[in-house]
Amino acid sequence: MLLATFYFAVMNIFIKLVSHLPVMEIVFFRCGISLLICLYQLHQVKVDWKGSNRKLLLMRGLFGTIALYTYFITIANMPLGTAVTIQYLSPVFTTILAIFVLGEKVKPVQWLFFLISFAGVMVMKGVDNRIELTYLLIGIFSSIASAFAYVTIRSLKEMEHPLVVVFHFQIVGTFTGLIFSSWNFEIPMGLDWIYLLLIGIYNVSILNYTGVIYAIAAGFLIFGEGYGLGTIMGIVLVIAGVLLSMIYR
């Protein structure tokens, strides 16, 4: 788990390094490379990529692509550790959404934990003038879109092979990124090609909050991003609220 989280943190670093490129272009490369890997894996296990629940698979791909696009925007325009922390609100929104879509139950004390996480976001916004309200809202929207994607995955769990679910995310992201970046496509230069390749290869995500530590360290060491005590406290509140909810449940 720690290794997988490290790979995900490395991917975030490379996204930050190519943030001068159009965001949809980064989405195209990230999903396109992952698409090729998925195709190979589907061929290995001899599974039909089309699946049988086309509507849900398309919804998973659309929500995932929207979440990815908005997440990349926050990485490009906010301190890395802050952008990653806001994305970790997605379990909160997933739990809330699951109440209405999947009929799952939430214990009353979990709402208190959710409020702690949102309080952490407000603390970060209040003490760090690098966090513009527009990008903060985009980051929260990204978490909500991720929640919709996760609930869709939960609905597909017993219906489709996991690789089919992953594949439809990559195919929607690849074609969406290609279409929306076609009119302002910038040819990557020099190391950009390597960074984009590694973004696709290191596309390994897992809900493990050591990723925030990696992001803060990378932001400080590579991008010169400092984090004051107030910002650190806000990050701790966000993570504490989500983890308490998960542990209590």
Protein backbone atom coordinates (compact mmCIF):
# COMPACT_ATOMS: atom_id res chain seq x y z
CA MET A 1 0.00 0.00 0.00
CA LEU A 2 2.81 2.38 0.83
CA LEU A 3 4.51 1.62 -2.49
CA ALA A 4 1.28 2.18 -4.42
CA THR A 5 0.74 5.49 -2.64
CA PHE A 6 4.31 6.50 -3.44
CA TYR A 7 3.69 5.82 -7.14
CA PHE A 8 0.55 7.96 -7.01
CA ALA A 9 2.52 10.75 -5.33
CA VAL A 10 5.17 10.54 -8.06
CA MET A 11 2.41 10.88 -10.66
CA ASN A 12 1.22 14.08 -8.95
CA ILE A 13 4.76 15.49 -9.14
CA PHE A 14 4.97 14.84 -12.87
CA ILE A 15 1.54 16.43 -13.39
CA LYS A 16 2.84 19.54 -11.63
CA LEU A 17 5.97 19.51 -13.81
CA VAL A 18 3.90 19.54 -17.04
CA SER A 19 1.26 21.98 -15.76
CA HIS A 20 2.34 24.48 -18.44
CA LEU A 21 0.61 22.22 -20.98
CA PRO A 22 -3.19 22.40 -21.52
CA VAL A 23 -4.94 20.34 -18.84
CA MET A 24 -7.01 18.31 -21.32
CA GLU A 25 -3.81 17.41 -23.15
CA ILE A 26 -2.41 15.95 -19.91
CA VAL A 27 -5.67 14.04 -19.45
CA PHE A 28 -5.27 12.64 -22.97
CA PHE A 29 -1.75 11.38 -22.37
CA ARG A 30 -2.51 10.03 -18.90
CA CYS A 31 -5.60 8.09 -20.05
CA GLY A 32 -4.15 7.11 -23.44
CA ILE A 33 -1.13 5.38 -21.93
CA SER A 34 -3.30 3.68 -19.31
CA LEU A 35 -5.68 2.62 -22.10
CA LEU A 36 -2.89 0.72 -23.86
CA ILE A 37 -1.94 -1.01 -20.62
CA CYS A 38 -5.60 -1.98 -20.01
CA LEU A 39 -5.94 -3.35 -23.54
CA TYR A 40 -2.93 -5.58 -22.98
CA GLN A 41 -4.28 -6.80 -19.63
CA LEU A 42 -7.75 -7.47 -21.08
CA HIS A 43 -6.14 -9.50 -23.84
CA GLN A 44 -4.16 -11.48 -21.26
CA VAL A 45 -7.23 -12.43 -19.23
CA LYS A 46 -9.41 -12.84 -22.36
CA VAL A 47 -12.21 -10.55 -21.19
CA ASP A 48 -14.54 -8.70 -23.58
CA TRP A 49 -13.83 -4.98 -23.16
CA LYS A 50 -17.37 -3.90 -24.14
CA GLY A 51 -19.03 -5.15 -20.95
CA SER A 52 -22.78 -5.55 -20.52
CA ASN A 53 -23.79 -2.44 -18.54
CA ARG A 54 -22.95 0.23 -21.10
CA LYS A 55 -24.85 3.09 -19.45
CA LEU A 56 -23.22 2.64 -16.03
CA LEU A 57 -19.80 2.12 -17.61
CA LEU A 58 -20.20 5.32 -19.61
CA MET A 59 -21.27 7.21 -16.47
CA ARG A 60 -18.21 5.87 -14.63
CA GLY A 61 -16.00 7.08 -17.46
CA LEU A 62 -17.61 10.54 -17.61
CA PHE A 63 -17.52 11.15 -13.86
CA GLY A 64 -13.95 9.87 -13.68
CA THR A 65 -12.81 12.11 -16.53
CA ILE A 66 -14.46 15.19 -15.02
CA ALA A 67 -12.84 14.42 -11.66
CA LEU A 68 -9.45 13.91 -13.31
CA TYR A 69 -9.66 17.13 -15.33
CA THR A 70 -10.64 19.29 -12.35
CA TYR A 71 -8.06 17.58 -10.12
CA PHE A 72 -5.30 18.39 -12.60
CA ILE A 73 -6.45 22.03 -12.59
CA THR A 74 -6.03 22.23 -8.82
CA ILE A 75 -2.57 20.63 -8.96
CA ALA A 76 -1.49 23.23 -11.53
CA ASN A 77 -2.84 26.20 -9.55
CA MET A 78 -2.49 25.29 -5.86
CA PRO A 79 0.27 24.02 -3.56
CA LEU A 80 0.64 20.30 -4.19
CA GLY A 81 -0.08 19.18 -0.63
CA THR A 82 -3.22 21.30 -0.46
CA ALA A 83 -4.56 20.04 -3.80
CA VAL A 84 -4.04 16.42 -2.76
CA THR A 85 -5.68 17.01 0.63
CA ILE A 86 -8.81 18.52 -0.90
CA GLN A 87 -9.10 15.53 -3.25
CA TYR A 88 -9.12 13.30 -0.16
CA LEU A 89 -12.55 14.74 0.70
CA SER A 90 -14.01 12.34 -1.87
CA PRO A 91 -14.75 9.60 0.73
CA VAL A 92 -16.95 12.10 2.59
CA PHE A 93 -18.98 12.86 -0.52
CA THR A 94 -19.01 9.17 -1.46
CA THR A 95 -20.52 8.25 1.90
CA ILE A 96 -23.15 10.98 1.67
CA LEU A 97 -24.02 10.05 -1.91
CA ALA A 98 -24.27 6.36 -1.02
CA ILE A 99 -27.08 7.19 1.41
CA PHE A 100 -29.32 8.32 -1.44
CA VAL A 101 -28.10 6.10 -4.28
CA LEU A 102 -27.24 2.81 -2.56
CA GLY A 103 -29.36 3.12 0.58
CA GLU A 104 -26.35 2.77 2.88
CA LYS A 105 -26.53 3.96 6.49
CA VAL A 106 -24.45 6.65 8.18
CA LYS A 107 -24.11 6.80 11.94
CA PRO A 108 -24.91 10.20 13.49
CA VAL A 109 -21.39 10.74 14.83
CA GLN A 110 -20.01 10.45 11.29
CA TRP A 111 -21.65 13.77 10.42
CA LEU A 112 -19.51 15.37 13.12
CA PHE A 113 -16.41 13.86 11.52
CA PHE A 114 -17.48 15.22 8.13
CA LEU A 115 -17.81 18.70 9.65
CA ILE A 116 -14.27 18.37 11.04
CA SER A 117 -12.96 17.67 7.52
CA PHE A 118 -14.80 20.66 6.04
CA ALA A 119 -13.54 22.82 8.91
CA GLY A 120 -10.02 21.79 7.91
CA VAL A 121 -10.64 23.05 4.37
CA MET A 122 -11.88 26.38 5.74
CA VAL A 123 -8.80 26.67 7.95
CA MET A 124 -6.49 26.10 4.97
CA LYS A 125 -8.37 28.70 2.93
CA GLY A 126 -8.28 31.20 5.79
CA VAL A 127 -4.54 31.02 6.50
CA ASP A 128 -3.07 30.43 3.02
CA ASN A 129 -3.55 33.26 0.51
CA ARG A 130 -2.21 31.01 -2.28
CA ILE A 131 -5.53 29.14 -2.21
CA GLU A 132 -7.89 31.09 -4.47
CA LEU A 133 -11.58 30.52 -3.89
CA THR A 134 -12.14 29.55 -7.53
CA TYR A 135 -9.60 26.73 -7.42
CA LEU A 136 -10.77 25.64 -3.97
CA LEU A 137 -14.29 25.21 -5.34
CA ILE A 138 -12.91 23.37 -8.38
CA GLY A 139 -11.05 21.03 -6.02
CA ILE A 140 -14.21 20.35 -4.01
CA PHE A 141 -16.13 19.76 -7.25
CA SER A 142 -13.43 17.27 -8.27
CA SER A 143 -14.00 15.38 -5.01
CA ILE A 144 -17.74 15.31 -5.67
CA ALA A 145 -17.21 14.02 -9.22
CA SER A 146 -14.90 11.34 -7.79
CA ALA A 147 -17.65 10.37 -5.35
CA PHE A 148 -20.10 9.86 -8.21
CA ALA A 149 -17.48 7.73 -9.98
CA TYR A 150 -16.88 5.61 -6.87
CA VAL A 151 -20.61 5.03 -6.28
CA THR A 152 -20.95 3.97 -9.92
CA ILE A 153 -18.05 1.54 -9.45
CA ARG A 154 -19.80 0.18 -6.35
CA SER A 155 -22.92 -0.45 -8.44
CA LEU A 156 -20.83 -2.29 -11.06
CA LYS A 157 -18.90 -4.40 -8.56
CA GLU A 158 -20.88 -7.61 -9.06
CA MET A 159 -21.66 -6.97 -12.75
CA GLU A 160 -18.40 -6.34 -14.59
CA HIS A 161 -14.77 -7.46 -14.53
CA PRO A 162 -12.65 -4.79 -12.77
CA LEU A 163 -10.50 -4.31 -15.88
CA VAL A 164 -13.62 -3.54 -17.95
CA VAL A 165 -14.58 -0.81 -15.48
CA VAL A 166 -11.08 0.66 -15.55
CA PHE A 167 -10.92 0.40 -19.35
CA HIS A 168 -14.08 2.46 -19.88
CA PHE A 169 -12.65 5.23 -17.71
CA GLN A 170 -9.50 5.28 -19.82
CA ILE A 171 -11.31 5.20 -23.16
CA VAL A 172 -13.67 8.06 -22.23
CA GLY A 173 -10.77 10.08 -20.83
CA THR A 174 -8.60 9.44 -23.89
CA PHE A 175 -11.18 10.53 -26.46
CA THR A 176 -12.45 13.44 -24.35
CA GLY A 177 -8.90 14.67 -23.82
CA LEU A 178 -8.12 14.32 -27.53
CA ILE A 179 -11.23 16.19 -28.65
CA PHE A 180 -10.99 19.08 -26.20
CA SER A 181 -7.23 19.55 -26.60
CA SER A 182 -7.22 19.35 -30.41
CA TRP A 183 -7.61 23.09 -31.01
CA ASN A 184 -4.92 24.20 -28.55
CA PHE A 185 -2.63 21.17 -28.58
CA GLU A 186 0.97 22.01 -27.65
CA ILE A 187 3.78 19.72 -28.74
CA PRO A 188 5.55 18.55 -25.55
CA MET A 189 9.20 19.50 -25.46
CA GLY A 190 12.22 17.67 -24.04
CA LEU A 191 11.55 16.07 -20.67
CA ASP A 192 7.81 16.70 -21.03
CA TRP A 193 7.54 13.46 -23.05
CA ILE A 194 9.12 11.47 -20.22
CA TYR A 195 6.93 13.13 -17.59
CA LEU A 196 3.76 12.40 -19.59
CA LEU A 197 4.80 8.79 -20.11
CA LEU A 198 5.45 8.33 -16.40
CA ILE A 199 2.10 9.94 -15.49
CA GLY A 200 0.38 7.11 -17.37
CA ILE A 201 2.65 4.39 -16.00
CA TYR A 202 2.46 5.58 -12.39
CA ASN A 203 -1.35 5.76 -12.49
CA VAL A 204 -1.75 3.72 -9.30
CA SER A 205 -4.24 5.11 -6.79
CA ILE A 206 -5.18 3.87 -3.34
CA LEU A 207 -6.88 5.52 -0.39
CA ASN A 208 -3.86 5.87 1.87
CA TYR A 209 -3.22 9.18 3.57
CA THR A 210 0.56 8.92 3.57
CA GLY A 211 0.09 10.40 0.07
CA VAL A 212 -0.39 13.79 1.70
CA ILE A 213 3.01 13.49 3.39
CA TYR A 214 4.61 12.70 0.04
CA ALA A 215 2.82 15.65 -1.56
CA ILE A 216 3.91 18.12 1.13
CA ALA A 217 7.50 16.88 0.95
CA ALA A 218 7.56 17.08 -2.85
CA GLY A 219 5.99 20.54 -2.82
CA PHE A 220 8.66 21.78 -0.42
CA LEU A 221 11.71 20.06 -1.94
CA ILE A 222 10.89 20.31 -5.65
CA PHE A 223 8.56 23.30 -6.06
CA GLY A 224 9.65 25.44 -3.09
CA GLU A 225 6.17 25.45 -1.54
CA GLY A 226 6.17 26.28 2.16
CA TYR A 227 3.39 25.26 4.56
CA GLY A 228 2.61 27.29 7.66
CA LEU A 229 1.33 25.87 10.92
CA GLY A 230 -2.25 26.92 10.08
CA THR A 231 -2.16 25.08 6.76
CA ILE A 232 -0.73 21.96 8.40
CA MET A 233 -3.49 22.11 11.02
CA GLY A 234 -6.11 22.37 8.27
CA ILE A 235 -4.64 19.34 6.47
CA VAL A 236 -4.64 17.37 9.73
CA LEU A 237 -8.31 18.24 10.35
CA VAL A 238 -9.34 17.10 6.85
CA ILE A 239 -7.55 13.77 7.19
CA ALA A 240 -8.64 13.26 10.80
CA GLY A 241 -12.30 13.76 9.94
CA VAL A 242 -12.22 11.25 7.08
CA LEU A 243 -10.17 8.66 8.98
CA LEU A 244 -12.34 8.89 12.10
CA SER A 245 -15.42 8.30 9.98
CA MET A 246 -13.83 5.28 8.29
CA ILE A 247 -12.51 3.80 11.56
CA TYR A 248 -15.77 4.37 13.45
CA ARG A 249 -17.82 2.79 10.67
